[in-house]
Protein backbone atom coordinates (compact mmCIF):
# COMPACT_ATOMS: atom_id res chain seq x y z
CA MET A 1 139.85 79.40 80.12
CA ASN A 2 136.16 79.98 80.17
CA MET A 3 133.86 78.74 82.97
CA ALA A 4 130.70 76.84 81.70
CA GLU A 5 127.46 78.75 82.69
CA PRO A 6 125.68 77.68 85.79
CA SER A 7 122.54 76.56 83.58
CA VAL A 8 124.80 74.08 81.73
CA LEU A 9 126.05 72.43 85.02
CA ARG A 10 122.84 72.61 86.71
CA PRO A 11 120.20 72.74 83.89
CA HIS A 12 117.19 72.31 86.25
CA PRO A 13 115.88 75.03 88.83
CA PRO A 14 116.96 73.85 92.12
CA GLU A 15 113.63 75.21 93.58
CA PHE A 16 112.07 72.09 92.07
CA GLU A 17 113.96 69.58 93.93
CA ARG A 18 112.03 69.65 97.23
CA PHE A 19 108.84 68.93 95.08
CA LEU A 20 110.41 66.27 92.82
CA TYR A 21 112.16 64.23 95.66
CA ALA A 22 109.22 64.24 97.99
CA SER A 23 107.46 60.87 98.38
CA VAL A 24 104.08 59.95 96.89
CA GLY A 25 104.14 56.65 98.98
CA GLU A 26 105.31 53.17 98.84
CA ASP A 27 105.38 50.72 95.84
CA ARG A 28 104.20 47.11 96.21
CA ASN A 29 107.74 46.11 97.13
CA GLY A 30 107.81 48.55 100.05
CA TYR A 31 110.20 51.19 98.07
CA VAL A 32 109.42 54.86 98.39
CA VAL A 33 108.25 56.25 95.28
CA THR A 34 109.14 59.94 94.60
CA VAL A 35 107.21 62.52 92.43
CA LEU A 36 110.24 62.33 89.73
CA SER A 37 109.93 58.58 89.52
CA ALA A 38 106.17 58.76 89.40
CA LEU A 39 106.01 61.35 86.73
CA ALA A 40 108.76 59.40 84.68
CA ARG A 41 106.83 56.15 85.10
CA LEU A 42 103.78 57.92 83.52
CA GLY A 43 105.89 58.89 80.55
CA LEU A 44 106.34 62.55 81.43
CA ASP A 45 109.36 64.51 81.76
CA PRO A 46 109.42 65.40 85.31
CA TRP A 47 111.16 68.94 85.06
CA ILE A 48 108.62 69.85 82.32
CA GLU A 49 105.82 68.77 84.11
CA THR A 50 107.00 70.45 87.36
CA ALA A 51 107.68 73.83 85.45
CA GLU A 52 104.25 73.62 84.05
CA LEU A 53 102.71 73.01 87.50
CA VAL A 54 104.45 76.05 88.57
CA THR A 55 103.01 78.25 86.12
CA LEU A 56 99.37 76.86 86.56
CA GLY A 57 99.30 78.30 90.21
CA ARG A 58 98.87 76.38 93.33
CA ASP A 59 94.96 75.25 92.90
CA ALA A 60 95.09 74.44 89.26
CA ALA A 61 98.62 72.50 89.96
CA ARG A 62 96.74 70.66 93.00
CA ALA A 63 94.02 69.43 90.47
CA ARG A 64 96.46 68.45 87.74
CA LEU A 65 98.71 66.48 89.98
CA GLY A 66 95.72 64.87 91.46
CA THR A 67 94.59 63.65 87.97
CA LEU A 68 98.10 62.41 87.26
CA LEU A 69 98.46 60.52 90.61
CA ALA A 70 95.15 59.09 89.96
CA ARG A 71 96.52 57.37 86.82
CA PHE A 72 99.69 55.98 88.89
CA ARG A 73 98.96 52.47 89.79
CA ASP A 74 102.36 51.49 91.06
CA VAL A 75 101.43 53.00 94.52
CA PRO A 76 98.55 51.24 95.91
CA MET A 77 97.60 53.79 98.45
CA LEU A 78 97.04 56.36 95.58
CA ALA A 79 94.00 54.60 94.49
CA SER A 80 92.00 55.93 97.35
CA ASP A 81 94.19 58.87 98.61
CA HIS A 82 95.51 60.84 95.60
CA GLY A 83 93.52 63.92 96.34
CA ARG A 84 95.20 64.25 99.81
CA VAL A 85 98.70 63.28 98.38
CA ALA A 86 98.43 66.02 95.58
CA GLN A 87 97.16 68.68 98.11
CA ASP A 88 100.37 67.95 100.26
CA LEU A 89 102.63 67.89 97.32
CA SER A 90 101.24 70.91 95.72
CA GLN A 91 102.37 72.90 98.82
CA LEU A 92 105.85 71.80 98.12
CA LEU A 93 105.82 73.60 94.56
CA PRO A 94 107.72 76.84 94.76
CA GLU A 95 105.64 79.99 94.89
CA GLY A 96 105.97 83.50 96.47
CA PRO A 97 108.01 86.69 95.35
CA ALA A 98 110.55 84.50 93.49
CA SER A 99 107.45 83.14 91.22
CA ASP A 100 108.44 85.52 88.36
CA THR A 101 111.95 84.07 88.31
CA LEU A 102 110.55 80.58 88.46
CA LYS A 103 108.28 81.28 85.66
CA ARG A 104 111.14 82.24 83.66
CA ALA A 105 113.09 79.29 84.57
CA ALA A 106 109.96 77.16 83.98
CA SER A 107 109.78 78.46 80.37
CA THR A 108 113.48 77.76 79.93
CA VAL A 109 112.83 74.27 80.96
CA THR A 110 109.72 73.80 78.71
CA GLY A 111 111.65 75.68 75.67
CA HIS A 112 114.45 73.07 75.77
CA ARG A 113 112.04 69.80 75.45
CA LEU A 114 113.68 68.74 72.42
CA GLY A 115 117.23 69.32 73.45
CA THR A 116 117.49 67.75 76.69
CA SER A 117 114.51 65.30 76.95
CA GLY A 118 116.61 62.53 75.21
CA THR A 119 119.37 62.84 77.64
CA ILE A 120 116.83 63.00 80.62
CA TRP A 121 114.96 59.95 79.40
CA ALA A 122 118.15 58.07 78.88
CA VAL A 123 119.41 58.69 82.46
CA LEU A 124 115.84 58.04 83.90
CA THR A 125 115.70 54.76 81.86
CA ILE A 126 118.85 53.79 83.38
CA ILE A 127 117.94 54.64 86.90
CA ILE A 128 114.77 52.81 86.46
CA VAL A 129 116.51 49.61 85.08
CA LEU A 130 119.13 49.52 88.03
CA PHE A 131 116.21 49.94 90.23
CA GLN A 132 114.35 47.04 88.85
CA VAL A 133 117.59 44.74 88.89
CA LEU A 134 118.38 45.69 92.50
CA THR A 135 114.60 44.84 93.38
CA ILE A 136 115.05 41.49 91.67
CA VAL A 137 118.47 40.84 93.41
CA GLY A 138 117.25 41.84 96.73
CA ALA A 139 114.06 39.57 96.34
CA GLY A 140 116.16 36.71 95.37
CA SER A 141 118.65 37.06 98.27
CA GLY A 142 115.92 37.17 100.72
CA GLU A 143 114.57 33.71 100.04
């Protein structure tokens, strides 16, 4: 019996998790929005975007992230504070001695855009729909 390769079971670099699951702030309903959710709501693949940010380097990644967060309207605080949030979040991107390994992982992630993006978007769509249903149900039960 052959064991599945680790990349099949866990296709995304675990080093991205600290960044992707970090908060960008609260939405209008008081729910915490993560980087992963913000990027998905902007129509971007969160893992591909993170991989590209890693390959840019810290300063360029901060600038790109600031631009993306400025476009994100679901978190009101970002309208005036997207630069500081981008600065803080960019510090969570992996860097250092393992950066060559991460860049290879990033190129693997970006190289599989067509194969995995459909699955990723399907899962993200389901999560977002469930979140919206729970938000509506929660708002309705509070009245």
